[in-house]
Amino acid sequence: AEYLAYEKGMHVLVIMTDMTNYCEALREISAARREVPGRRGYPGYLY
């Protein structure tokens, strides 16, 4: 999107679904790394 927008001058709409699955993947990797979990087991750096 950034390439098309800022280098090719296009208006780009980015639709991402489902961000919950992305956050679950973060939690899975965090657990495998044995990091101290934050709220509901998600990593403290989720924000």
ModelCIF file with pLDDT and N, C-alpha, C, O atoms, coordinates in Angstrom:
data_MODEL
#
_entry.id   MODEL 
#
_entity.id                         1 
_entity.type                       polymer 
_entity.pdbx_number_of_molecules   1 
#
_entity_poly.entity_id                      1 
_entity_poly.type                           'polypeptide(L)' 
_entity_poly.nstd_linkage                   no 
_entity_poly.nstd_monomer                   no 
_entity_poly.pdbx_seq_one_letter_code       AEYLAYEKGMHVLVIMTDMTNYCEALREISAARREVPGRRGYPGYLY 
_entity_poly.pdbx_seq_one_letter_code_can   AEYLAYEKGMHVLVIMTDMTNYCEALREISAARREVPGRRGYPGYLY 
_entity_poly.pdbx_strand_id                 A 
#
loop_
_entity_poly_seq.entity_id 
_entity_poly_seq.num 
_entity_poly_seq.mon_id 
_entity_poly_seq.hetero 
1 1  ALA n 
1 2  GLU n 
1 3  TYR n 
1 4  LEU n 
1 5  ALA n 
1 6  TYR n 
1 7  GLU n 
1 8  LYS n 
1 9  GLY n 
1 10 MET n 
1 11 HIS n 
1 12 VAL n 
1 13 LEU n 
1 14 VAL n 
1 15 ILE n 
1 16 MET n 
1 17 THR n 
1 18 ASP n 
1 19 MET n 
1 20 THR n 
1 21 ASN n 
1 22 TYR n 
1 23 CYS n 
1 24 GLU n 
1 25 ALA n 
1 26 LEU n 
1 27 ARG n 
1 28 GLU n 
1 29 ILE n 
1 30 SER n 
1 31 ALA n 
1 32 ALA n 
1 33 ARG n 
1 34 ARG n 
1 35 GLU n 
1 36 VAL n 
1 37 PRO n 
1 38 GLY n 
1 39 ARG n 
1 40 ARG n 
1 41 GLY n 
1 42 TYR n 
1 43 PRO n 
1 44 GLY n 
1 45 TYR n 
1 46 LEU n 
1 47 TYR n 
#
_struct_asym.id          A 
_struct_asym.entity_id   1 
#
loop_
_ma_qa_metric.id 
_ma_qa_metric.mode 
_ma_qa_metric.name 
_ma_qa_metric.software_group_id 
_ma_qa_metric.type 
1 global pLDDT . pLDDT 
2 local  pLDDT . pLDDT 
#
_ma_qa_metric_global.metric_id      1 
_ma_qa_metric_global.metric_value   92.32 
_ma_qa_metric_global.model_id       1 
_ma_qa_metric_global.ordinal_id     1 
#
loop_
_ma_qa_metric_local.label_asym_id 
_ma_qa_metric_local.label_comp_id 
_ma_qa_metric_local.label_seq_id 
_ma_qa_metric_local.metric_id 
_ma_qa_metric_local.metric_value 
_ma_qa_metric_local.model_id 
_ma_qa_metric_local.ordinal_id 
A ALA 1  2 96.00 1 1  
A GLU 2  2 96.00 1 2  
A TYR 3  2 96.00 1 3  
A LEU 4  2 96.00 1 4  
A ALA 5  2 95.00 1 5  
A TYR 6  2 94.00 1 6  
A GLU 7  2 94.00 1 7  
A LYS 8  2 93.00 1 8  
A GLY 9  2 92.00 1 9  
A MET 10 2 93.00 1 10 
A HIS 11 2 93.00 1 11 
A VAL 12 2 95.00 1 12 
A LEU 13 2 94.00 1 13 
A VAL 14 2 96.00 1 14 
A ILE 15 2 95.00 1 15 
A MET 16 2 96.00 1 16 
A THR 17 2 92.00 1 17 
A ASP 18 2 90.00 1 18 
A MET 19 2 96.00 1 19 
A THR 20 2 96.00 1 20 
A ASN 21 2 95.00 1 21 
A TYR 22 2 96.00 1 22 
A CYS 23 2 96.00 1 23 
A GLU 24 2 94.00 1 24 
A ALA 25 2 92.00 1 25 
A LEU 26 2 93.00 1 26 
A ARG 27 2 93.00 1 27 
A GLU 28 2 89.00 1 28 
A ILE 29 2 87.00 1 29 
A SER 30 2 89.00 1 30 
A ALA 31 2 87.00 1 31 
A ALA 32 2 82.00 1 32 
A ARG 33 2 82.00 1 33 
A ARG 34 2 84.00 1 34 
A GLU 35 2 86.00 1 35 
A VAL 36 2 90.00 1 36 
A PRO 37 2 89.00 1 37 
A GLY 38 2 90.00 1 38 
A ARG 39 2 90.00 1 39 
A ARG 40 2 91.00 1 40 
A GLY 41 2 91.00 1 41 
A TYR 42 2 94.00 1 42 
A PRO 43 2 94.00 1 43 
A GLY 44 2 93.00 1 44 
A TYR 45 2 94.00 1 45 
A LEU 46 2 95.00 1 46 
A TYR 47 2 95.00 1 47 
#
loop_
_atom_site.group_PDB 
_atom_site.id 
_atom_site.type_symbol 
_atom_site.label_atom_id 
_atom_site.label_alt_id 
_atom_site.label_comp_id 
_atom_site.label_asym_id 
_atom_site.label_entity_id 
_atom_site.label_seq_id 
_atom_site.pdbx_PDB_ins_code 
_atom_site.Cartn_x 
_atom_site.Cartn_y 
_atom_site.Cartn_z 
_atom_site.occupancy 
_atom_site.B_iso_or_equiv 
_atom_site.pdbx_formal_charge 
_atom_site.auth_seq_id 
_atom_site.auth_comp_id 
_atom_site.auth_asym_id 
_atom_site.auth_atom_id 
_atom_site.pdbx_PDB_model_num 
ATOM 1   N N  . ALA A 1 1  ? 0.828  -1.212  0.000  1.00 96.00 ? 1  ALA A N  1 
ATOM 2   C CA . ALA A 1 1  ? 0.000  0.000   0.000  1.00 96.00 ? 1  ALA A CA 1 
ATOM 3   C C  . ALA A 1 1  ? 0.860  1.258   0.000  1.00 96.00 ? 1  ALA A C  1 
ATOM 4   O O  . ALA A 1 1  ? 0.580  2.202   -0.739 1.00 96.00 ? 1  ALA A O  1 
ATOM 5   N N  . GLU A 1 2  ? 1.905  1.276   0.824  1.00 96.00 ? 2  GLU A N  1 
ATOM 6   C CA . GLU A 1 2  ? 2.785  2.452   0.900  1.00 96.00 ? 2  GLU A CA 1 
ATOM 7   C C  . GLU A 1 2  ? 3.498  2.694   -0.428 1.00 96.00 ? 2  GLU A C  1 
ATOM 8   O O  . GLU A 1 2  ? 3.671  3.840   -0.844 1.00 96.00 ? 2  GLU A O  1 
ATOM 9   N N  . TYR A 1 3  ? 3.903  1.631   -1.082 1.00 96.00 ? 3  TYR A N  1 
ATOM 10  C CA . TYR A 1 3  ? 4.560  1.763   -2.389 1.00 96.00 ? 3  TYR A CA 1 
ATOM 11  C C  . TYR A 1 3  ? 3.603  2.379   -3.412 1.00 96.00 ? 3  TYR A C  1 
ATOM 12  O O  . TYR A 1 3  ? 3.963  3.323   -4.114 1.00 96.00 ? 3  TYR A O  1 
ATOM 13  N N  . LEU A 1 4  ? 2.385  1.843   -3.490 1.00 96.00 ? 4  LEU A N  1 
ATOM 14  C CA . LEU A 1 4  ? 1.409  2.349   -4.466 1.00 96.00 ? 4  LEU A CA 1 
ATOM 15  C C  . LEU A 1 4  ? 1.005  3.791   -4.143 1.00 96.00 ? 4  LEU A C  1 
ATOM 16  O O  . LEU A 1 4  ? 0.775  4.590   -5.051 1.00 96.00 ? 4  LEU A O  1 
ATOM 17  N N  . ALA A 1 5  ? 0.919  4.121   -2.846 1.00 95.00 ? 5  ALA A N  1 
ATOM 18  C CA . ALA A 1 5  ? 0.458  5.449   -2.443 1.00 95.00 ? 5  ALA A CA 1 
ATOM 19  C C  . ALA A 1 5  ? 1.543  6.503   -2.598 1.00 95.00 ? 5  ALA A C  1 
ATOM 20  O O  . ALA A 1 5  ? 1.337  7.520   -3.260 1.00 95.00 ? 5  ALA A O  1 
ATOM 21  N N  . TYR A 1 6  ? 2.696  6.261   -1.991 1.00 94.00 ? 6  TYR A N  1 
ATOM 22  C CA . TYR A 1 6  ? 3.696  7.316   -1.878 1.00 94.00 ? 6  TYR A CA 1 
ATOM 23  C C  . TYR A 1 6  ? 4.659  7.374   -3.060 1.00 94.00 ? 6  TYR A C  1 
ATOM 24  O O  . TYR A 1 6  ? 5.313  8.394   -3.280 1.00 94.00 ? 6  TYR A O  1 
ATOM 25  N N  . GLU A 1 7  ? 4.749  6.275   -3.826 1.00 94.00 ? 7  GLU A N  1 
ATOM 26  C CA . GLU A 1 7  ? 5.642  6.282   -4.981 1.00 94.00 ? 7  GLU A CA 1 
ATOM 27  C C  . GLU A 1 7  ? 4.885  6.314   -6.310 1.00 94.00 ? 7  GLU A C  1 
ATOM 28  O O  . GLU A 1 7  ? 5.416  6.777   -7.320 1.00 94.00 ? 7  GLU A O  1 
ATOM 29  N N  . LYS A 1 8  ? 3.649  5.822   -6.307 1.00 93.00 ? 8  LYS A N  1 
ATOM 30  C CA . LYS A 1 8  ? 2.862  5.804   -7.549 1.00 93.00 ? 8  LYS A CA 1 
ATOM 31  C C  . LYS A 1 8  ? 1.666  6.745   -7.499 1.00 93.00 ? 8  LYS A C  1 
ATOM 32  O O  . LYS A 1 8  ? 0.898  6.817   -8.458 1.00 93.00 ? 8  LYS A O  1 
ATOM 33  N N  . GLY A 1 9  ? 1.496  7.476   -6.382 1.00 92.00 ? 9  GLY A N  1 
ATOM 34  C CA . GLY A 1 9  ? 0.473  8.503   -6.298 1.00 92.00 ? 9  GLY A CA 1 
ATOM 35  C C  . GLY A 1 9  ? -0.955 8.010   -6.249 1.00 92.00 ? 9  GLY A C  1 
ATOM 36  O O  . GLY A 1 9  ? -1.866 8.738   -6.642 1.00 92.00 ? 9  GLY A O  1 
ATOM 37  N N  . MET A 1 10 ? -1.178 6.798   -5.779 1.00 93.00 ? 10 MET A N  1 
ATOM 38  C CA . MET A 1 10 ? -2.531 6.234   -5.742 1.00 93.00 ? 10 MET A CA 1 
ATOM 39  C C  . MET A 1 10 ? -3.174 6.444   -4.370 1.00 93.00 ? 10 MET A C  1 
ATOM 40  O O  . MET A 1 10 ? -2.482 6.531   -3.356 1.00 93.00 ? 10 MET A O  1 
ATOM 41  N N  . HIS A 1 11 ? -4.497 6.523   -4.354 1.00 93.00 ? 11 HIS A N  1 
ATOM 42  C CA . HIS A 1 11 ? -5.240 6.502   -3.097 1.00 93.00 ? 11 HIS A CA 1 
ATOM 43  C C  . HIS A 1 11 ? -5.506 5.036   -2.771 1.00 93.00 ? 11 HIS A C  1 
ATOM 44  O O  . HIS A 1 11 ? -6.169 4.344   -3.544 1.00 93.00 ? 11 HIS A O  1 
ATOM 45  N N  . VAL A 1 12 ? -5.001 4.557   -1.645 1.00 95.00 ? 12 VAL A N  1 
ATOM 46  C CA . VAL A 1 12 ? -5.058 3.135   -1.332 1.00 95.00 ? 12 VAL A CA 1 
ATOM 47  C C  . VAL A 1 12 ? -5.876 2.907   -0.066 1.00 95.00 ? 12 VAL A C  1 
ATOM 48  O O  . VAL A 1 12 ? -5.630 3.527   0.969  1.00 95.00 ? 12 VAL A O  1 
ATOM 49  N N  . LEU A 1 13 ? -6.845 2.014   -0.165 1.00 94.00 ? 13 LEU A N  1 
ATOM 50  C CA . LEU A 1 13 ? -7.634 1.595   0.989  1.00 94.00 ? 13 LEU A CA 1 
ATOM 51  C C  . LEU A 1 13 ? -7.169 0.209   1.395  1.00 94.00 ? 13 LEU A C  1 
ATOM 52  O O  . LEU A 1 13 ? -7.222 -0.725  0.595  1.00 94.00 ? 13 LEU A O  1 
ATOM 53  N N  . VAL A 1 14 ? -6.710 0.068   2.639  1.00 96.00 ? 14 VAL A N  1 
ATOM 54  C CA . VAL A 1 14 ? -6.221 -1.217  3.144  1.00 96.00 ? 14 VAL A CA 1 
ATOM 55  C C  . VAL A 1 14 ? -7.282 -1.818  4.059  1.00 96.00 ? 14 VAL A C  1 
ATOM 56  O O  . VAL A 1 14 ? -7.654 -1.213  5.065  1.00 96.00 ? 14 VAL A O  1 
ATOM 57  N N  . ILE A 1 15 ? -7.767 -3.005  3.713  1.00 95.00 ? 15 ILE A N  1 
ATOM 58  C CA . ILE A 1 15 ? -8.733 -3.727  4.543  1.00 95.00 ? 15 ILE A CA 1 
ATOM 59  C C  . ILE A 1 15 ? -8.034 -4.949  5.102  1.00 95.00 ? 15 ILE A C  1 
ATOM 60  O O  . ILE A 1 15 ? -7.546 -5.788  4.345  1.00 95.00 ? 15 ILE A O  1 
ATOM 61  N N  . MET A 1 16 ? -7.982 -5.059  6.435  1.00 96.00 ? 16 MET A N  1 
ATOM 62  C CA . MET A 1 16 ? -7.295 -6.186  7.087  1.00 96.00 ? 16 MET A CA 1 
ATOM 63  C C  . MET A 1 16 ? -8.288 -6.930  7.965  1.00 96.00 ? 16 MET A C  1 
ATOM 64  O O  . MET A 1 16 ? -8.868 -6.341  8.877  1.00 96.00 ? 16 MET A O  1 
ATOM 65  N N  . THR A 1 17 ? -8.490 -8.204  7.706  1.00 92.00 ? 17 THR A N  1 
ATOM 66  C CA . THR A 1 17 ? -9.391 -9.029  8.506  1.00 92.00 ? 17 THR A CA 1 
ATOM 67  C C  . THR A 1 17 ? -8.783 -10.425 8.662  1.00 92.00 ? 17 THR A C  1 
ATOM 68  O O  . THR A 1 17 ? -8.445 -11.028 7.644  1.00 92.00 ? 17 THR A O  1 
ATOM 69  N N  . ASP A 1 18 ? -8.627 -10.959 9.831  1.00 90.00 ? 18 ASP A N  1 
ATOM 70  C CA . ASP A 1 18 ? -9.186 -10.524 11.090 1.00 90.00 ? 18 ASP A CA 1 
ATOM 71  C C  . ASP A 1 18 ? -8.017 -10.221 12.020 1.00 90.00 ? 18 ASP A C  1 
ATOM 72  O O  . ASP A 1 18 ? -7.166 -11.081 12.248 1.00 90.00 ? 18 ASP A O  1 
ATOM 73  N N  . MET A 1 19 ? -7.969 -8.987  12.567 1.00 96.00 ? 19 MET A N  1 
ATOM 74  C CA . MET A 1 19 ? -6.858 -8.584  13.414 1.00 96.00 ? 19 MET A CA 1 
ATOM 75  C C  . MET A 1 19 ? -6.804 -9.396  14.708 1.00 96.00 ? 19 MET A C  1 
ATOM 76  O O  . MET A 1 19 ? -5.747 -9.479  15.334 1.00 96.00 ? 19 MET A O  1 
ATOM 77  N N  . THR A 1 20 ? -7.922 -9.995  15.117 1.00 96.00 ? 20 THR A N  1 
ATOM 78  C CA . THR A 1 20 ? -7.910 -10.866 16.303 1.00 96.00 ? 20 THR A CA 1 
ATOM 79  C C  . THR A 1 20 ? -6.994 -12.061 16.059 1.00 96.00 ? 20 THR A C  1 
ATOM 80  O O  . THR A 1 20 ? -6.275 -12.477 16.968 1.00 96.00 ? 20 THR A O  1 
ATOM 81  N N  . ASN A 1 21 ? -7.005 -12.619 14.853 1.00 95.00 ? 21 ASN A N  1 
ATOM 82  C CA . ASN A 1 21 ? -6.119 -13.742 14.532 1.00 95.00 ? 21 ASN A CA 1 
ATOM 83  C C  . ASN A 1 21 ? -4.658 -13.316 14.589 1.00 95.00 ? 21 ASN A C  1 
ATOM 84  O O  . ASN A 1 21 ? -3.796 -14.088 15.010 1.00 95.00 ? 21 ASN A O  1 
ATOM 85  N N  . TYR A 1 22 ? -4.379 -12.082 14.165 1.00 96.00 ? 22 TYR A N  1 
ATOM 86  C CA . TYR A 1 22 ? -3.008 -11.556 14.261 1.00 96.00 ? 22 TYR A CA 1 
ATOM 87  C C  . TYR A 1 22 ? -2.566 -11.495 15.719 1.00 96.00 ? 22 TYR A C  1 
ATOM 88  O O  . TYR A 1 22 ? -1.454 -11.904 16.051 1.00 96.00 ? 22 TYR A O  1 
ATOM 89  N N  . CYS A 1 23 ? -3.431 -10.987 16.582 1.00 96.00 ? 23 CYS A N  1 
ATOM 90  C CA . CYS A 1 23 ? -3.081 -10.862 18.006 1.00 96.00 ? 23 CYS A CA 1 
ATOM 91  C C  . CYS A 1 23 ? -2.930 -12.233 18.666 1.00 96.00 ? 23 CYS A C  1 
ATOM 92  O O  . CYS A 1 23 ? -2.099 -12.407 19.557 1.00 96.00 ? 23 CYS A O  1 
ATOM 93  N N  . GLU A 1 24 ? -3.733 -13.204 18.228 1.00 94.00 ? 24 GLU A N  1 
ATOM 94  C CA . GLU A 1 24 ? -3.589 -14.562 18.769 1.00 94.00 ? 24 GLU A CA 1 
ATOM 95  C C  . GLU A 1 24 ? -2.234 -15.152 18.377 1.00 94.00 ? 24 GLU A C  1 
ATOM 96  O O  . GLU A 1 24 ? -1.616 -15.866 19.167 1.00 94.00 ? 24 GLU A O  1 
ATOM 97  N N  . ALA A 1 25 ? -1.774 -14.857 17.169 1.00 92.00 ? 25 ALA A N  1 
ATOM 98  C CA . ALA A 1 25 ? -0.456 -15.332 16.748 1.00 92.00 ? 25 ALA A CA 1 
ATOM 99  C C  . ALA A 1 25 ? 0.640  -14.695 17.592 1.00 92.00 ? 25 ALA A C  1 
ATOM 100 O O  . ALA A 1 25 ? 1.608  -15.359 17.963 1.00 92.00 ? 25 ALA A O  1 
ATOM 101 N N  . LEU A 1 26 ? 0.488  -13.396 17.899 1.00 93.00 ? 26 LEU A N  1 
ATOM 102 C CA . LEU A 1 26 ? 1.446  -12.735 18.786 1.00 93.00 ? 26 LEU A CA 1 
ATOM 103 C C  . LEU A 1 26 ? 1.488  -13.410 20.149 1.00 93.00 ? 26 LEU A C  1 
ATOM 104 O O  . LEU A 1 26 ? 2.560  -13.624 20.716 1.00 93.00 ? 26 LEU A O  1 
ATOM 105 N N  . ARG A 1 27 ? 0.304  -13.746 20.672 1.00 93.00 ? 27 ARG A N  1 
ATOM 106 C CA . ARG A 1 27 ? 0.235  -14.400 21.980 1.00 93.00 ? 27 ARG A CA 1 
ATOM 107 C C  . ARG A 1 27 ? 0.894  -15.775 21.947 1.00 93.00 ? 27 ARG A C  1 
ATOM 108 O O  . ARG A 1 27 ? 1.560  -16.179 22.901 1.00 93.00 ? 27 ARG A O  1 
ATOM 109 N N  . GLU A 1 28 ? 0.702  -16.489 20.840 1.00 89.00 ? 28 GLU A N  1 
ATOM 110 C CA . GLU A 1 28 ? 1.300  -17.817 20.712 1.00 89.00 ? 28 GLU A CA 1 
ATOM 111 C C  . GLU A 1 28 ? 2.822  -17.737 20.716 1.00 89.00 ? 28 GLU A C  1 
ATOM 112 O O  . GLU A 1 28 ? 3.489  -18.523 21.389 1.00 89.00 ? 28 GLU A O  1 
ATOM 113 N N  . ILE A 1 29 ? 3.368  -16.780 19.960 1.00 87.00 ? 29 ILE A N  1 
ATOM 114 C CA . ILE A 1 29 ? 4.830  -16.622 19.914 1.00 87.00 ? 29 ILE A CA 1 
ATOM 115 C C  . ILE A 1 29 ? 5.355  -16.160 21.268 1.00 87.00 ? 29 ILE A C  1 
ATOM 116 O O  . ILE A 1 29 ? 6.405  -16.618 21.718 1.00 87.00 ? 29 ILE A O  1 
ATOM 117 N N  . SER A 1 30 ? 4.632  -15.260 21.914 1.00 89.00 ? 30 SER A N  1 
ATOM 118 C CA . SER A 1 30 ? 5.049  -14.772 23.223 1.00 89.00 ? 30 SER A CA 1 
ATOM 119 C C  . SER A 1 30 ? 5.109  -15.904 24.236 1.00 89.00 ? 30 SER A C  1 
ATOM 120 O O  . SER A 1 30 ? 6.033  -15.975 25.046 1.00 89.00 ? 30 SER A O  1 
ATOM 121 N N  . ALA A 1 31 ? 4.113  -16.796 24.187 1.00 87.00 ? 31 ALA A N  1 
ATOM 122 C CA . ALA A 1 31 ? 4.103  -17.928 25.115 1.00 87.00 ? 31 ALA A CA 1 
ATOM 123 C C  . ALA A 1 31 ? 5.268  -18.877 24.835 1.00 87.00 ? 31 ALA A C  1 
ATOM 124 O O  . ALA A 1 31 ? 5.889  -19.402 25.759 1.00 87.00 ? 31 ALA A O  1 
ATOM 125 N N  . ALA A 1 32 ? 5.557  -19.092 23.543 1.00 82.00 ? 32 ALA A N  1 
ATOM 126 C CA . ALA A 1 32 ? 6.682  -19.970 23.195 1.00 82.00 ? 32 ALA A CA 1 
ATOM 127 C C  . ALA A 1 32 ? 8.007  -19.387 23.668 1.00 82.00 ? 32 ALA A C  1 
ATOM 128 O O  . ALA A 1 32 ? 8.940  -20.125 23.986 1.00 82.00 ? 32 ALA A O  1 
ATOM 129 N N  . ARG A 1 33 ? 8.085  -18.037 23.715 1.00 82.00 ? 33 ARG A N  1 
ATOM 130 C CA . ARG A 1 33 ? 9.317  -17.385 24.185 1.00 82.00 ? 33 ARG A CA 1 
ATOM 131 C C  . ARG A 1 33 ? 9.368  -17.299 25.713 1.00 82.00 ? 33 ARG A C  1 
ATOM 132 O O  . ARG A 1 33 ? 10.336 -16.799 26.286 1.00 82.00 ? 33 ARG A O  1 
ATOM 133 N N  . ARG A 1 34 ? 8.319  -17.790 26.355 1.00 84.00 ? 34 ARG A N  1 
ATOM 134 C CA . ARG A 1 34 ? 8.209  -17.785 27.825 1.00 84.00 ? 34 ARG A CA 1 
ATOM 135 C C  . ARG A 1 34 ? 8.257  -16.366 28.392 1.00 84.00 ? 34 ARG A C  1 
ATOM 136 O O  . ARG A 1 34 ? 8.844  -16.133 29.448 1.00 84.00 ? 34 ARG A O  1 
ATOM 137 N N  . GLU A 1 35 ? 7.633  -15.416 27.680 1.00 86.00 ? 35 GLU A N  1 
ATOM 138 C CA . GLU A 1 35 ? 7.566  -14.041 28.165 1.00 86.00 ? 35 GLU A CA 1 
ATOM 139 C C  . GLU A 1 35 ? 6.498  -13.914 29.242 1.00 86.00 ? 35 GLU A C  1 
ATOM 140 O O  . GLU A 1 35 ? 5.538  -14.683 29.272 1.00 86.00 ? 35 GLU A O  1 
ATOM 141 N N  . VAL A 1 36 ? 6.673  -12.946 30.115 1.00 90.00 ? 36 VAL A N  1 
ATOM 142 C CA . VAL A 1 36 ? 5.674  -12.691 31.151 1.00 90.00 ? 36 VAL A CA 1 
ATOM 143 C C  . VAL A 1 36 ? 4.419  -12.141 30.474 1.00 90.00 ? 36 VAL A C  1 
ATOM 144 O O  . VAL A 1 36 ? 4.493  -11.107 29.810 1.00 90.00 ? 36 VAL A O  1 
ATOM 145 N N  . PRO A 1 37 ? 3.270  -12.805 30.622 1.00 89.00 ? 37 PRO A N  1 
ATOM 146 C CA . PRO A 1 37 ? 2.065  -12.357 29.913 1.00 89.00 ? 37 PRO A CA 1 
ATOM 147 C C  . PRO A 1 37 ? 1.461  -11.100 30.525 1.00 89.00 ? 37 PRO A C  1 
ATOM 148 O O  . PRO A 1 37 ? 1.636  -10.821 31.712 1.00 89.00 ? 37 PRO A O  1 
ATOM 149 N N  . GLY A 1 38 ? 0.744  -10.344 29.688 1.00 90.00 ? 38 GLY A N  1 
ATOM 150 C CA . GLY A 1 38 ? -0.012 -9.178  30.152 1.00 90.00 ? 38 GLY A CA 1 
ATOM 151 C C  . GLY A 1 38 ? -1.480 -9.528  30.288 1.00 90.00 ? 38 GLY A C  1 
ATOM 152 O O  . GLY A 1 38 ? -1.810 -10.643 30.690 1.00 90.00 ? 38 GLY A O  1 
ATOM 153 N N  . ARG A 1 39 ? -2.372 -8.595  29.961 1.00 90.00 ? 39 ARG A N  1 
ATOM 154 C CA . ARG A 1 39 ? -3.812 -8.816  30.092 1.00 90.00 ? 39 ARG A CA 1 
ATOM 155 C C  . ARG A 1 39 ? -4.258 -10.009 29.253 1.00 90.00 ? 39 ARG A C  1 
ATOM 156 O O  . ARG A 1 39 ? -3.966 -10.088 28.059 1.00 90.00 ? 39 ARG A O  1 
ATOM 157 N N  . ARG A 1 40 ? -4.976 -10.941 29.898 1.00 91.00 ? 40 ARG A N  1 
ATOM 158 C CA . ARG A 1 40 ? -5.550 -12.121 29.246 1.00 91.00 ? 40 ARG A CA 1 
ATOM 159 C C  . ARG A 1 40 ? -4.523 -12.930 28.463 1.00 91.00 ? 40 ARG A C  1 
ATOM 160 O O  . ARG A 1 40 ? -4.856 -13.581 27.473 1.00 91.00 ? 40 ARG A O  1 
ATOM 161 N N  . GLY A 1 41 ? -3.276 -12.884 28.913 1.00 91.00 ? 41 GLY A N  1 
ATOM 162 C CA . GLY A 1 41 ? -2.235 -13.692 28.294 1.00 91.00 ? 41 GLY A CA 1 
ATOM 163 C C  . GLY A 1 41 ? -1.570 -13.067 27.088 1.00 91.00 ? 41 GLY A C  1 
ATOM 164 O O  . GLY A 1 41 ? -0.614 -13.632 26.556 1.00 91.00 ? 41 GLY A O  1 
ATOM 165 N N  . TYR A 1 42 ? -2.050 -11.909 26.636 1.00 94.00 ? 42 TYR A N  1 
ATOM 166 C CA . TYR A 1 42 ? -1.408 -11.240 25.503 1.00 94.00 ? 42 TYR A CA 1 
ATOM 167 C C  . TYR A 1 42 ? -0.117 -10.578 25.967 1.00 94.00 ? 42 TYR A C  1 
ATOM 168 O O  . TYR A 1 42 ? -0.005 -10.194 27.131 1.00 94.00 ? 42 TYR A O  1 
ATOM 169 N N  . PRO A 1 43 ? 0.860  -10.439 25.071 1.00 94.00 ? 43 PRO A N  1 
ATOM 170 C CA . PRO A 1 43 ? 2.136  -9.829  25.491 1.00 94.00 ? 43 PRO A CA 1 
ATOM 171 C C  . PRO A 1 43 ? 1.948  -8.378  25.914 1.00 94.00 ? 43 PRO A C  1 
ATOM 172 O O  . PRO A 1 43 ? 1.050  -7.692  25.425 1.00 94.00 ? 43 PRO A O  1 
ATOM 173 N N  . GLY A 1 44 ? 2.783  -7.923  26.808 1.00 93.00 ? 44 GLY A N  1 
ATOM 174 C CA . GLY A 1 44 ? 2.680  -6.563  27.313 1.00 93.00 ? 44 GLY A CA 1 
ATOM 175 C C  . GLY A 1 44 ? 2.926  -5.508  26.247 1.00 93.00 ? 44 GLY A C  1 
ATOM 176 O O  . GLY A 1 44 ? 2.547  -4.349  26.418 1.00 93.00 ? 44 GLY A O  1 
ATOM 177 N N  . TYR A 1 45 ? 3.564  -5.906  25.139 1.00 94.00 ? 45 TYR A N  1 
ATOM 178 C CA . TYR A 1 45 ? 3.852  -4.955  24.069 1.00 94.00 ? 45 TYR A CA 1 
ATOM 179 C C  . TYR A 1 45 ? 2.772  -4.980  22.980 1.00 94.00 ? 45 TYR A C  1 
ATOM 180 O O  . TYR A 1 45 ? 3.019  -4.502  21.873 1.00 94.00 ? 45 TYR A O  1 
ATOM 181 N N  . LEU A 1 46 ? 1.582  -5.526  23.265 1.00 95.00 ? 46 LEU A N  1 
ATOM 182 C CA . LEU A 1 46 ? 0.523  -5.617  22.262 1.00 95.00 ? 46 LEU A CA 1 
ATOM 183 C C  . LEU A 1 46 ? 0.154  -4.231  21.718 1.00 95.00 ? 46 LEU A C  1 
ATOM 184 O O  . LEU A 1 46 ? -0.018 -4.061  20.510 1.00 95.00 ? 46 LEU A O  1 
ATOM 185 N N  . TYR A 1 47 ? 0.034  -3.247  22.608 1.00 95.00 ? 47 TYR A N  1 
ATOM 186 C CA . TYR A 1 47 ? -0.317 -1.883  22.188 1.00 95.00 ? 47 TYR A CA 1 
ATOM 187 C C  . TYR A 1 47 ? 0.717  -1.347  21.203 1.00 95.00 ? 47 TYR A C  1 
ATOM 188 O O  . TYR A 1 47 ? 0.596  -0.214  20.736 1.00 95.00 ? 47 TYR A O  1 
#
